[in-house]
Amino acid sequence: MPLFQSFLILIWSILLDASPKEEVINWKVTRDSMLEVLGTTNVSKFTCENYEYTGQEYLIQRIPKGQEVGQWNGEVKITSRNFDCDNELMTKDFKKTIEVEKFPTISVNFLGLTKESETPTQKNLMGQVEITMVGISRKYDISCVFLASENNSALLSGERKIQLSDFNIEPPEKFFGALKVSDTIAVNFYLVLERQDLIISN
């Protein structure tokens, strides 16, 4: 084979090897994000909300070459003491239950979210989430909704029911057992995201 042709083949092989294999999109979790916990007692329902998100975490979307969606991964840490249950006594009891002094954060780690289906306005994602609370981590299957706008912002929302006993938490009781909190609670999240940049990975 002529030397010039061999040189061209070598250059072409290098260019092919350097072509992008995936897109990596950073979605910053903004201060407008919110997490809430919904629970019940034997006499009523309660909601504890956490609006004071101050972290700097990102969700990373990796899109392999030739695909449209890829996977989302990323961890979000919530400050435990920022929960407000709209009732001073309930707020105090809730913070005591999740041991805010010993465990100042609750972690929600999204693991391999992928597109299950979509409509013209949203993508429905499936995957796993790892929740870490009072120093204990548990994994759950989860479904989420991803809504993207035209100004590089998006909303990722979802819900997962868990048991307090999964984290070795004894459901609180008050007034000598007259008021009992159910073991099952729902964790809802609303992550407001901003697309920060686009990285081409080789």
N, C-alpha and C. Protein backbone atom coordinates (compact mmCIF):
# COMPACT_ATOMS: atom_id res chain seq x y z
N MET A 1 0.86 -1.19 0.00
CA MET A 1 0.00 0.00 0.00
C MET A 1 0.90 1.24 0.00
N PRO A 2 0.62 2.21 -0.87
CA PRO A 2 1.44 3.42 -0.91
C PRO A 2 1.46 4.11 0.45
N LEU A 3 2.61 4.77 0.71
CA LEU A 3 2.78 5.44 1.99
C LEU A 3 1.73 6.51 2.23
N PHE A 4 1.37 7.26 1.17
CA PHE A 4 0.39 8.34 1.34
C PHE A 4 -0.97 7.79 1.74
N GLN A 5 -1.38 6.66 1.12
CA GLN A 5 -2.66 6.05 1.48
C GLN A 5 -2.65 5.55 2.92
N SER A 6 -1.55 5.00 3.33
CA SER A 6 -1.44 4.53 4.72
C SER A 6 -1.57 5.69 5.69
N PHE A 7 -0.97 6.82 5.30
CA PHE A 7 -1.05 8.01 6.15
C PHE A 7 -2.50 8.50 6.27
N LEU A 8 -3.23 8.52 5.16
CA LEU A 8 -4.63 8.95 5.16
C LEU A 8 -5.49 8.03 6.04
N ILE A 9 -5.25 6.74 5.92
CA ILE A 9 -6.01 5.78 6.74
C ILE A 9 -5.74 6.01 8.22
N LEU A 10 -4.47 6.28 8.56
CA LEU A 10 -4.11 6.53 9.95
C LEU A 10 -4.82 7.78 10.48
N ILE A 11 -4.80 8.86 9.68
CA ILE A 11 -5.46 10.11 10.09
C ILE A 11 -6.96 9.89 10.25
N TRP A 12 -7.57 9.17 9.34
CA TRP A 12 -9.02 8.90 9.40
C TRP A 12 -9.38 8.08 10.64
N SER A 13 -8.53 7.12 11.00
CA SER A 13 -8.78 6.31 12.18
C SER A 13 -8.71 7.16 13.45
N ILE A 14 -7.76 8.09 13.47
CA ILE A 14 -7.64 8.97 14.63
C ILE A 14 -8.86 9.85 14.76
N LEU A 15 -9.34 10.40 13.62
CA LEU A 15 -10.52 11.25 13.65
C LEU A 15 -11.75 10.49 14.10
N LEU A 16 -11.90 9.27 13.64
CA LEU A 16 -13.05 8.46 14.04
C LEU A 16 -13.00 8.18 15.53
N ASP A 17 -11.81 7.87 16.03
CA ASP A 17 -11.68 7.55 17.45
C ASP A 17 -11.95 8.78 18.32
N ALA A 18 -11.70 9.98 17.77
CA ALA A 18 -11.89 11.22 18.54
C ALA A 18 -13.31 11.76 18.45
N SER A 19 -14.16 11.12 17.65
CA SER A 19 -15.53 11.62 17.50
C SER A 19 -16.29 11.42 18.82
N PRO A 20 -17.22 12.32 19.10
CA PRO A 20 -17.93 12.26 20.38
C PRO A 20 -18.69 10.94 20.57
N LYS A 21 -18.56 10.34 21.74
CA LYS A 21 -19.28 9.11 22.05
C LYS A 21 -20.52 9.39 22.88
N GLU A 22 -20.58 10.54 23.52
CA GLU A 22 -21.76 10.89 24.29
C GLU A 22 -21.80 12.39 24.55
N GLU A 23 -22.99 12.89 24.79
CA GLU A 23 -23.17 14.26 25.25
C GLU A 23 -23.39 14.22 26.77
N VAL A 24 -22.83 15.18 27.47
CA VAL A 24 -23.01 15.27 28.91
C VAL A 24 -23.60 16.64 29.23
N ILE A 25 -24.83 16.66 29.76
CA ILE A 25 -25.52 17.91 30.05
C ILE A 25 -25.63 18.06 31.57
N ASN A 26 -25.19 19.19 32.07
CA ASN A 26 -25.29 19.49 33.50
C ASN A 26 -26.58 20.26 33.78
N TRP A 27 -27.40 19.74 34.68
CA TRP A 27 -28.62 20.43 35.13
C TRP A 27 -28.42 20.85 36.58
N LYS A 28 -28.28 22.14 36.81
CA LYS A 28 -28.08 22.64 38.18
C LYS A 28 -29.41 22.65 38.92
N VAL A 29 -29.41 22.14 40.16
CA VAL A 29 -30.60 22.18 41.00
C VAL A 29 -30.67 23.56 41.64
N THR A 30 -31.74 24.32 41.39
CA THR A 30 -31.81 25.71 41.83
C THR A 30 -32.49 25.85 43.19
N ARG A 31 -32.44 27.07 43.73
CA ARG A 31 -33.01 27.37 45.04
C ARG A 31 -34.53 27.25 45.05
N ASP A 32 -35.16 27.24 43.89
CA ASP A 32 -36.62 27.11 43.82
C ASP A 32 -37.10 25.68 44.03
N SER A 33 -36.18 24.75 44.18
CA SER A 33 -36.54 23.35 44.37
C SER A 33 -37.15 23.12 45.75
N MET A 34 -37.93 22.06 45.86
CA MET A 34 -38.64 21.80 47.12
C MET A 34 -38.84 20.31 47.32
N LEU A 35 -38.78 19.90 48.58
CA LEU A 35 -39.08 18.52 48.96
C LEU A 35 -40.11 18.57 50.08
N GLU A 36 -41.08 17.67 50.01
CA GLU A 36 -42.08 17.63 51.06
C GLU A 36 -42.34 16.20 51.50
N VAL A 37 -42.74 16.07 52.75
CA VAL A 37 -43.08 14.77 53.33
C VAL A 37 -44.54 14.81 53.75
N LEU A 38 -45.32 13.86 53.26
CA LEU A 38 -46.72 13.76 53.59
C LEU A 38 -46.94 12.53 54.45
N GLY A 39 -47.64 12.73 55.57
CA GLY A 39 -47.90 11.61 56.47
C GLY A 39 -49.30 11.68 57.05
N THR A 40 -49.64 10.68 57.82
CA THR A 40 -50.95 10.63 58.47
C THR A 40 -50.78 10.18 59.91
N THR A 41 -51.72 10.60 60.72
CA THR A 41 -51.85 10.06 62.06
C THR A 41 -53.19 9.35 62.12
N ASN A 42 -53.52 8.82 63.28
CA ASN A 42 -54.81 8.15 63.41
C ASN A 42 -55.97 9.14 63.47
N VAL A 43 -55.65 10.46 63.47
CA VAL A 43 -56.73 11.44 63.51
C VAL A 43 -56.66 12.48 62.39
N SER A 44 -55.52 12.62 61.71
CA SER A 44 -55.42 13.66 60.69
C SER A 44 -54.23 13.39 59.75
N LYS A 45 -54.06 14.29 58.78
CA LYS A 45 -52.93 14.25 57.87
C LYS A 45 -51.99 15.41 58.20
N PHE A 46 -50.74 15.30 57.77
CA PHE A 46 -49.80 16.40 57.96
C PHE A 46 -48.84 16.47 56.78
N THR A 47 -48.30 17.66 56.55
CA THR A 47 -47.33 17.90 55.49
C THR A 47 -46.16 18.70 56.05
N CYS A 48 -44.96 18.23 55.81
CA CYS A 48 -43.75 18.95 56.22
C CYS A 48 -42.97 19.30 54.96
N GLU A 49 -42.75 20.60 54.75
CA GLU A 49 -42.14 21.08 53.51
C GLU A 49 -40.76 21.66 53.77
N ASN A 50 -39.90 21.51 52.77
CA ASN A 50 -38.54 22.04 52.85
C ASN A 50 -38.30 22.89 51.61
N TYR A 51 -38.44 24.22 51.78
CA TYR A 51 -38.26 25.15 50.67
C TYR A 51 -36.87 25.76 50.63
N GLU A 52 -36.12 25.61 51.69
CA GLU A 52 -34.86 26.34 51.81
C GLU A 52 -33.69 25.56 51.24
N TYR A 53 -33.80 25.13 49.99
CA TYR A 53 -32.68 24.41 49.37
C TYR A 53 -31.54 25.38 49.07
N THR A 54 -30.37 25.08 49.54
CA THR A 54 -29.21 25.96 49.37
C THR A 54 -28.00 25.23 48.80
N GLY A 55 -28.20 24.03 48.30
CA GLY A 55 -27.07 23.25 47.79
C GLY A 55 -26.59 23.72 46.44
N GLN A 56 -25.56 23.07 45.95
CA GLN A 56 -24.98 23.38 44.64
C GLN A 56 -24.86 22.11 43.80
N GLU A 57 -25.81 21.21 43.96
CA GLU A 57 -25.72 19.93 43.27
C GLU A 57 -26.19 20.03 41.81
N TYR A 58 -25.79 19.01 41.06
CA TYR A 58 -26.18 18.91 39.66
C TYR A 58 -26.75 17.53 39.39
N LEU A 59 -27.70 17.47 38.47
CA LEU A 59 -28.08 16.20 37.85
C LEU A 59 -27.37 16.13 36.51
N ILE A 60 -26.75 15.00 36.24
CA ILE A 60 -25.97 14.84 35.01
C ILE A 60 -26.74 13.95 34.04
N GLN A 61 -26.99 14.48 32.85
CA GLN A 61 -27.68 13.72 31.80
C GLN A 61 -26.64 13.30 30.77
N ARG A 62 -26.49 12.01 30.60
CA ARG A 62 -25.54 11.48 29.63
C ARG A 62 -26.31 10.85 28.47
N ILE A 63 -26.01 11.33 27.26
CA ILE A 63 -26.73 10.86 26.08
C ILE A 63 -25.73 10.19 25.15
N PRO A 64 -25.74 8.85 25.07
CA PRO A 64 -24.83 8.16 24.16
C PRO A 64 -25.07 8.58 22.71
N LYS A 65 -24.03 8.54 21.93
CA LYS A 65 -24.13 8.92 20.53
C LYS A 65 -25.20 8.09 19.81
N GLY A 66 -26.06 8.76 19.07
CA GLY A 66 -27.11 8.09 18.33
C GLY A 66 -28.41 7.93 19.09
N GLN A 67 -28.44 8.36 20.38
CA GLN A 67 -29.66 8.29 21.17
C GLN A 67 -30.17 9.70 21.47
N GLU A 68 -31.38 9.78 22.01
CA GLU A 68 -31.99 11.08 22.25
C GLU A 68 -32.05 11.46 23.72
N VAL A 69 -32.10 10.49 24.62
CA VAL A 69 -32.37 10.80 26.03
C VAL A 69 -31.22 10.41 26.94
N GLY A 70 -30.84 9.16 26.97
CA GLY A 70 -29.77 8.73 27.85
C GLY A 70 -30.24 8.54 29.28
N GLN A 71 -29.35 8.83 30.24
CA GLN A 71 -29.63 8.61 31.66
C GLN A 71 -29.37 9.86 32.47
N TRP A 72 -30.15 9.99 33.55
CA TRP A 72 -29.94 11.05 34.54
C TRP A 72 -29.39 10.41 35.82
N ASN A 73 -28.36 11.04 36.38
CA ASN A 73 -27.82 10.64 37.68
C ASN A 73 -27.46 11.89 38.48
N GLY A 74 -27.53 11.78 39.78
CA GLY A 74 -27.12 12.91 40.60
C GLY A 74 -27.69 12.82 42.00
N GLU A 75 -27.02 13.49 42.94
CA GLU A 75 -27.41 13.46 44.34
C GLU A 75 -27.80 14.86 44.80
N VAL A 76 -28.90 14.94 45.54
CA VAL A 76 -29.38 16.20 46.09
C VAL A 76 -29.42 16.06 47.61
N LYS A 77 -28.83 17.03 48.32
CA LYS A 77 -28.79 17.00 49.78
C LYS A 77 -29.68 18.10 50.34
N ILE A 78 -30.58 17.70 51.22
CA ILE A 78 -31.56 18.59 51.82
C ILE A 78 -31.18 18.85 53.27
N THR A 79 -31.20 20.12 53.69
CA THR A 79 -30.91 20.47 55.08
C THR A 79 -32.09 20.08 55.97
N SER A 80 -31.87 19.19 56.91
CA SER A 80 -32.95 18.61 57.71
C SER A 80 -33.69 19.66 58.54
N ARG A 81 -32.95 20.62 59.11
CA ARG A 81 -33.58 21.57 60.02
C ARG A 81 -34.50 22.56 59.30
N ASN A 82 -34.50 22.57 57.96
CA ASN A 82 -35.33 23.53 57.23
C ASN A 82 -36.75 23.04 56.99
N PHE A 83 -37.12 21.89 57.52
CA PHE A 83 -38.50 21.42 57.36
C PHE A 83 -39.45 22.26 58.21
N ASP A 84 -40.62 22.53 57.65
CA ASP A 84 -41.68 23.26 58.35
C ASP A 84 -42.98 22.51 58.14
N CYS A 85 -43.60 22.09 59.23
CA CYS A 85 -44.84 21.31 59.16
C CYS A 85 -46.08 22.17 59.39
N ASP A 86 -45.90 23.50 59.36
CA ASP A 86 -47.01 24.45 59.53
C ASP A 86 -47.70 24.29 60.88
N ASN A 87 -46.98 23.74 61.83
CA ASN A 87 -47.48 23.57 63.19
C ASN A 87 -46.24 23.43 64.07
N GLU A 88 -46.09 24.32 65.02
CA GLU A 88 -44.86 24.36 65.80
C GLU A 88 -44.57 23.04 66.51
N LEU A 89 -45.58 22.45 67.11
CA LEU A 89 -45.39 21.19 67.82
C LEU A 89 -45.05 20.06 66.86
N MET A 90 -45.77 20.00 65.72
CA MET A 90 -45.50 18.96 64.73
C MET A 90 -44.11 19.13 64.13
N THR A 91 -43.72 20.38 63.86
CA THR A 91 -42.38 20.64 63.31
C THR A 91 -41.31 20.17 64.28
N LYS A 92 -41.48 20.49 65.55
CA LYS A 92 -40.51 20.09 66.58
C LYS A 92 -40.42 18.57 66.66
N ASP A 93 -41.57 17.89 66.64
CA ASP A 93 -41.57 16.43 66.73
C ASP A 93 -40.95 15.80 65.49
N PHE A 94 -41.24 16.38 64.32
CA PHE A 94 -40.68 15.83 63.08
C PHE A 94 -39.16 15.95 63.07
N LYS A 95 -38.65 17.12 63.47
CA LYS A 95 -37.20 17.31 63.50
C LYS A 95 -36.54 16.39 64.52
N LYS A 96 -37.23 16.14 65.63
CA LYS A 96 -36.71 15.20 66.62
C LYS A 96 -36.68 13.79 66.04
N THR A 97 -37.70 13.43 65.28
CA THR A 97 -37.79 12.09 64.70
C THR A 97 -36.66 11.83 63.72
N ILE A 98 -36.31 12.84 62.90
CA ILE A 98 -35.25 12.63 61.91
C ILE A 98 -33.87 13.06 62.44
N GLU A 99 -33.81 13.39 63.72
CA GLU A 99 -32.55 13.65 64.43
C GLU A 99 -31.70 14.70 63.71
N VAL A 100 -32.26 15.91 63.58
CA VAL A 100 -31.59 16.94 62.79
C VAL A 100 -30.24 17.37 63.37
N GLU A 101 -30.07 17.28 64.67
CA GLU A 101 -28.80 17.68 65.27
C GLU A 101 -27.69 16.69 64.94
N LYS A 102 -28.03 15.43 64.89
CA LYS A 102 -27.03 14.39 64.61
C LYS A 102 -26.85 14.16 63.11
N PHE A 103 -27.95 14.31 62.36
CA PHE A 103 -27.91 14.07 60.92
C PHE A 103 -28.48 15.30 60.21
N PRO A 104 -27.64 16.29 59.91
CA PRO A 104 -28.12 17.57 59.39
C PRO A 104 -28.62 17.56 57.96
N THR A 105 -28.42 16.47 57.22
CA THR A 105 -28.88 16.43 55.83
C THR A 105 -29.62 15.12 55.53
N ILE A 106 -30.52 15.22 54.58
CA ILE A 106 -31.18 14.06 53.98
C ILE A 106 -30.74 14.03 52.52
N SER A 107 -30.27 12.88 52.07
CA SER A 107 -29.74 12.76 50.72
C SER A 107 -30.71 11.99 49.83
N VAL A 108 -30.93 12.52 48.63
CA VAL A 108 -31.74 11.84 47.62
C VAL A 108 -30.84 11.65 46.39
N ASN A 109 -30.47 10.41 46.11
CA ASN A 109 -29.53 10.11 45.05
C ASN A 109 -30.25 9.39 43.91
N PHE A 110 -30.31 10.03 42.74
CA PHE A 110 -30.99 9.45 41.58
C PHE A 110 -30.01 8.57 40.83
N LEU A 111 -30.45 7.34 40.55
CA LEU A 111 -29.57 6.33 39.97
C LEU A 111 -30.13 5.84 38.64
N GLY A 112 -29.51 6.26 37.55
CA GLY A 112 -29.82 5.72 36.24
C GLY A 112 -31.26 5.93 35.79
N LEU A 113 -31.78 7.14 35.90
CA LEU A 113 -33.13 7.41 35.39
C LEU A 113 -33.10 7.38 33.86
N THR A 114 -34.01 6.63 33.27
CA THR A 114 -34.10 6.54 31.82
C THR A 114 -35.54 6.78 31.37
N LYS A 115 -35.70 7.16 30.10
CA LYS A 115 -37.03 7.47 29.58
C LYS A 115 -37.84 6.19 29.41
N GLU A 116 -39.01 6.15 30.01
CA GLU A 116 -39.94 5.04 29.87
C GLU A 116 -40.95 5.33 28.76
N SER A 117 -41.42 6.57 28.71
CA SER A 117 -42.37 7.00 27.68
C SER A 117 -42.34 8.51 27.62
N GLU A 118 -43.04 9.09 26.65
CA GLU A 118 -43.09 10.53 26.56
C GLU A 118 -44.35 10.98 25.83
N THR A 119 -44.71 12.23 26.08
CA THR A 119 -45.81 12.91 25.39
C THR A 119 -45.21 14.17 24.78
N PRO A 120 -46.00 14.94 24.03
CA PRO A 120 -45.45 16.19 23.47
C PRO A 120 -44.96 17.18 24.52
N THR A 121 -45.39 17.04 25.77
CA THR A 121 -45.03 18.03 26.79
C THR A 121 -44.12 17.51 27.89
N GLN A 122 -43.93 16.19 28.00
CA GLN A 122 -43.13 15.68 29.11
C GLN A 122 -42.50 14.34 28.78
N LYS A 123 -41.44 14.02 29.54
CA LYS A 123 -40.81 12.71 29.48
C LYS A 123 -41.05 12.01 30.80
N ASN A 124 -41.45 10.75 30.75
CA ASN A 124 -41.68 9.95 31.95
C ASN A 124 -40.46 9.05 32.16
N LEU A 125 -39.81 9.23 33.29
CA LEU A 125 -38.56 8.54 33.57
C LEU A 125 -38.76 7.46 34.62
N MET A 126 -37.97 6.40 34.50
CA MET A 126 -37.98 5.31 35.46
C MET A 126 -36.55 5.04 35.90
N GLY A 127 -36.41 4.57 37.14
CA GLY A 127 -35.08 4.24 37.63
C GLY A 127 -35.13 3.91 39.10
N GLN A 128 -34.06 4.23 39.78
CA GLN A 128 -33.99 4.02 41.22
C GLN A 128 -33.57 5.30 41.92
N VAL A 129 -33.96 5.40 43.18
CA VAL A 129 -33.52 6.50 44.03
C VAL A 129 -33.01 5.90 45.33
N GLU A 130 -31.91 6.44 45.82
CA GLU A 130 -31.37 6.03 47.10
C GLU A 130 -31.57 7.16 48.10
N ILE A 131 -32.34 6.91 49.13
CA ILE A 131 -32.62 7.91 50.16
C ILE A 131 -31.79 7.58 51.38
N THR A 132 -31.06 8.59 51.87
CA THR A 132 -30.26 8.43 53.08
C THR A 132 -30.81 9.36 54.15
N MET A 133 -31.23 8.77 55.26
CA MET A 133 -31.84 9.51 56.36
C MET A 133 -31.40 8.86 57.67
N VAL A 134 -31.14 9.68 58.67
CA VAL A 134 -30.61 9.26 59.98
C VAL A 134 -29.47 8.25 59.81
N GLY A 135 -28.63 8.48 58.81
CA GLY A 135 -27.45 7.66 58.61
C GLY A 135 -27.69 6.32 57.95
N ILE A 136 -28.92 6.06 57.48
CA ILE A 136 -29.27 4.79 56.85
C ILE A 136 -29.70 5.04 55.41
N SER A 137 -29.22 4.23 54.48
CA SER A 137 -29.55 4.37 53.07
C SER A 137 -30.42 3.22 52.60
N ARG A 138 -31.44 3.55 51.81
CA ARG A 138 -32.32 2.53 51.23
C ARG A 138 -32.60 2.90 49.78
N LYS A 139 -32.65 1.88 48.91
CA LYS A 139 -32.93 2.09 47.49
C LYS A 139 -34.38 1.71 47.18
N TYR A 140 -34.99 2.51 46.29
CA TYR A 140 -36.37 2.27 45.87
C TYR A 140 -36.50 2.49 44.36
N ASP A 141 -37.39 1.73 43.74
CA ASP A 141 -37.77 2.03 42.36
C ASP A 141 -38.60 3.31 42.36
N ILE A 142 -38.48 4.09 41.28
CA ILE A 142 -39.19 5.37 41.26
C ILE A 142 -39.54 5.74 39.82
N SER A 143 -40.61 6.50 39.68
CA SER A 143 -40.98 7.09 38.39
C SER A 143 -41.01 8.60 38.56
N CYS A 144 -40.55 9.33 37.55
CA CYS A 144 -40.46 10.79 37.62
C CYS A 144 -41.00 11.39 36.33
N VAL A 145 -41.32 12.67 36.40
CA VAL A 145 -41.75 13.43 35.23
C VAL A 145 -40.72 14.52 34.98
N PHE A 146 -40.24 14.62 33.73
CA PHE A 146 -39.28 15.63 33.34
C PHE A 146 -39.94 16.58 32.35
N LEU A 147 -40.06 17.85 32.74
CA LEU A 147 -40.68 18.87 31.90
C LEU A 147 -39.62 19.90 31.55
N ALA A 148 -39.30 20.04 30.28
CA ALA A 148 -38.30 21.00 29.84
C ALA A 148 -38.96 22.19 29.15
N SER A 149 -38.41 23.38 29.39
CA SER A 149 -38.92 24.58 28.74
C SER A 149 -37.93 25.03 27.65
N GLU A 150 -38.24 26.11 26.98
CA GLU A 150 -37.40 26.58 25.88
C GLU A 150 -36.28 27.50 26.36
N ASN A 151 -36.25 27.83 27.63
CA ASN A 151 -35.23 28.75 28.13
C ASN A 151 -34.18 28.04 28.98
N ASN A 152 -33.87 26.79 28.63
CA ASN A 152 -32.83 26.01 29.31
C ASN A 152 -33.15 25.72 30.77
N SER A 153 -34.42 25.68 31.12
CA SER A 153 -34.83 25.28 32.46
C SER A 153 -35.75 24.07 32.36
N ALA A 154 -35.90 23.37 33.48
CA ALA A 154 -36.72 22.15 33.47
C ALA A 154 -37.20 21.87 34.89
N LEU A 155 -38.18 20.99 34.99
CA LEU A 155 -38.69 20.54 36.28
C LEU A 155 -38.67 19.02 36.31
N LEU A 156 -38.07 18.46 37.35
CA LEU A 156 -38.10 17.02 37.59
C LEU A 156 -38.90 16.79 38.86
N SER A 157 -39.99 16.06 38.76
CA SER A 157 -40.85 15.84 39.93
C SER A 157 -41.22 14.37 40.04
N GLY A 158 -41.53 13.96 41.26
CA GLY A 158 -41.92 12.59 41.49
C GLY A 158 -42.32 12.36 42.93
N GLU A 159 -42.78 11.15 43.20
CA GLU A 159 -43.21 10.78 44.55
C GLU A 159 -42.80 9.35 44.82
N ARG A 160 -42.47 9.09 46.08
CA ARG A 160 -42.16 7.72 46.50
C ARG A 160 -42.64 7.53 47.93
N LYS A 161 -43.43 6.49 48.15
CA LYS A 161 -43.85 6.14 49.50
C LYS A 161 -42.81 5.23 50.13
N ILE A 162 -42.48 5.54 51.39
CA ILE A 162 -41.51 4.75 52.13
C ILE A 162 -42.05 4.48 53.53
N GLN A 163 -41.38 3.60 54.24
CA GLN A 163 -41.74 3.32 55.63
C GLN A 163 -40.65 3.88 56.56
N LEU A 164 -41.08 4.54 57.60
CA LEU A 164 -40.12 5.03 58.59
C LEU A 164 -39.30 3.88 59.17
N SER A 165 -39.93 2.73 59.32
CA SER A 165 -39.24 1.57 59.88
C SER A 165 -38.11 1.08 58.97
N ASP A 166 -38.14 1.46 57.65
CA ASP A 166 -37.02 1.14 56.77
C ASP A 166 -35.73 1.75 57.29
N PHE A 167 -35.84 2.85 58.02
CA PHE A 167 -34.68 3.58 58.53
C PHE A 167 -34.54 3.42 60.05
N ASN A 168 -35.16 2.38 60.55
CA ASN A 168 -35.12 2.08 61.99
C ASN A 168 -35.69 3.23 62.83
N ILE A 169 -36.66 3.94 62.25
CA ILE A 169 -37.33 5.03 62.95
C ILE A 169 -38.66 4.51 63.51
N GLU A 170 -38.85 4.68 64.79
CA GLU A 170 -40.10 4.29 65.43
C GLU A 170 -41.12 5.41 65.21
N PRO A 171 -42.24 5.13 64.55
CA PRO A 171 -43.26 6.18 64.34
C PRO A 171 -43.66 6.82 65.67
N PRO A 172 -43.63 8.15 65.74
CA PRO A 172 -43.89 8.83 67.01
C PRO A 172 -45.31 8.61 67.54
N GLU A 173 -45.43 8.66 68.84
CA GLU A 173 -46.73 8.63 69.52
C GLU A 173 -46.79 9.78 70.51
N LYS A 174 -47.98 10.33 70.70
CA LYS A 174 -48.18 11.42 71.65
C LYS A 174 -49.37 11.12 72.55
N PHE A 175 -49.39 11.79 73.66
CA PHE A 175 -50.52 11.70 74.59
C PHE A 175 -50.81 10.25 74.98
N PHE A 176 -49.74 9.55 75.39
CA PHE A 176 -49.86 8.16 75.88
C PHE A 176 -50.47 7.24 74.82
N GLY A 177 -50.10 7.49 73.55
CA GLY A 177 -50.55 6.62 72.47
C GLY A 177 -51.86 7.03 71.84
N ALA A 178 -52.46 8.12 72.32
CA ALA A 178 -53.73 8.56 71.74
C ALA A 178 -53.54 9.11 70.33
N LEU A 179 -52.34 9.64 70.04
CA LEU A 179 -52.03 10.15 68.71
C LEU A 179 -50.85 9.36 68.16
N LYS A 180 -51.05 8.67 67.05
CA LYS A 180 -50.02 7.81 66.49
C LYS A 180 -49.77 8.18 65.03
N VAL A 181 -48.50 8.30 64.67
CA VAL A 181 -48.10 8.59 63.30
C VAL A 181 -47.97 7.28 62.54
N SER A 182 -48.51 7.25 61.32
CA SER A 182 -48.42 6.04 60.49
C SER A 182 -46.98 5.78 60.07
N ASP A 183 -46.64 4.52 59.90
CA ASP A 183 -45.29 4.15 59.48
C ASP A 183 -45.01 4.57 58.05
N THR A 184 -46.04 4.68 57.22
CA THR A 184 -45.87 5.01 55.81
C THR A 184 -45.96 6.52 55.59
N ILE A 185 -44.97 7.06 54.90
CA ILE A 185 -44.99 8.47 54.52
C ILE A 185 -44.71 8.56 53.01
N ALA A 186 -45.09 9.68 52.41
CA ALA A 186 -44.80 9.92 51.00
C ALA A 186 -43.77 11.04 50.90
N VAL A 187 -42.73 10.82 50.10
CA VAL A 187 -41.71 11.84 49.85
C VAL A 187 -41.93 12.37 48.44
N ASN A 188 -42.27 13.65 48.34
CA ASN A 188 -42.47 14.30 47.05
C ASN A 188 -41.33 15.27 46.79
N PHE A 189 -40.84 15.32 45.56
CA PHE A 189 -39.78 16.27 45.24
C PHE A 189 -40.14 17.03 43.96
N TYR A 190 -39.73 18.29 43.96
CA TYR A 190 -39.94 19.18 42.81
C TYR A 190 -38.61 19.91 42.59
N LEU A 191 -37.81 19.41 41.66
CA LEU A 191 -36.49 19.97 41.41
C LEU A 191 -36.55 20.89 40.20
N VAL A 192 -36.32 22.17 40.45
CA VAL A 192 -36.27 23.15 39.37
C VAL A 192 -34.83 23.21 38.88
N LEU A 193 -34.62 22.93 37.60
CA LEU A 193 -33.29 22.74 37.05
C LEU A 193 -32.95 23.83 36.03
N GLU A 194 -31.66 24.16 35.95
CA GLU A 194 -31.15 25.06 34.93
C GLU A 194 -30.04 24.35 34.18
N ARG A 195 -30.16 24.34 32.86
CA ARG A 195 -29.11 23.74 32.05
C ARG A 195 -27.90 24.66 32.05
N GLN A 196 -26.75 24.13 32.52
CA GLN A 196 -25.57 24.97 32.70
C GLN A 196 -24.64 24.96 31.49
N ASP A 197 -24.38 23.79 30.94
CA ASP A 197 -23.45 23.72 29.83
C ASP A 197 -23.61 22.40 29.10
N LEU A 198 -22.93 22.29 28.02
CA LEU A 198 -22.95 21.08 27.21
C LEU A 198 -21.51 20.64 27.00
N ILE A 199 -21.18 19.43 27.45
CA ILE A 199 -19.83 18.89 27.32
C ILE A 199 -19.86 17.71 26.37
N ILE A 200 -18.93 17.67 25.46
CA ILE A 200 -18.80 16.52 24.56
C ILE A 200 -17.72 15.62 25.11
N SER A 201 -18.07 14.38 25.44
CA SER A 201 -17.12 13.44 26.04
C SER A 201 -16.66 12.43 25.01
N ASN A 202 -15.37 12.10 25.03
CA ASN A 202 -14.82 11.11 24.10
C ASN A 202 -14.60 9.78 24.79
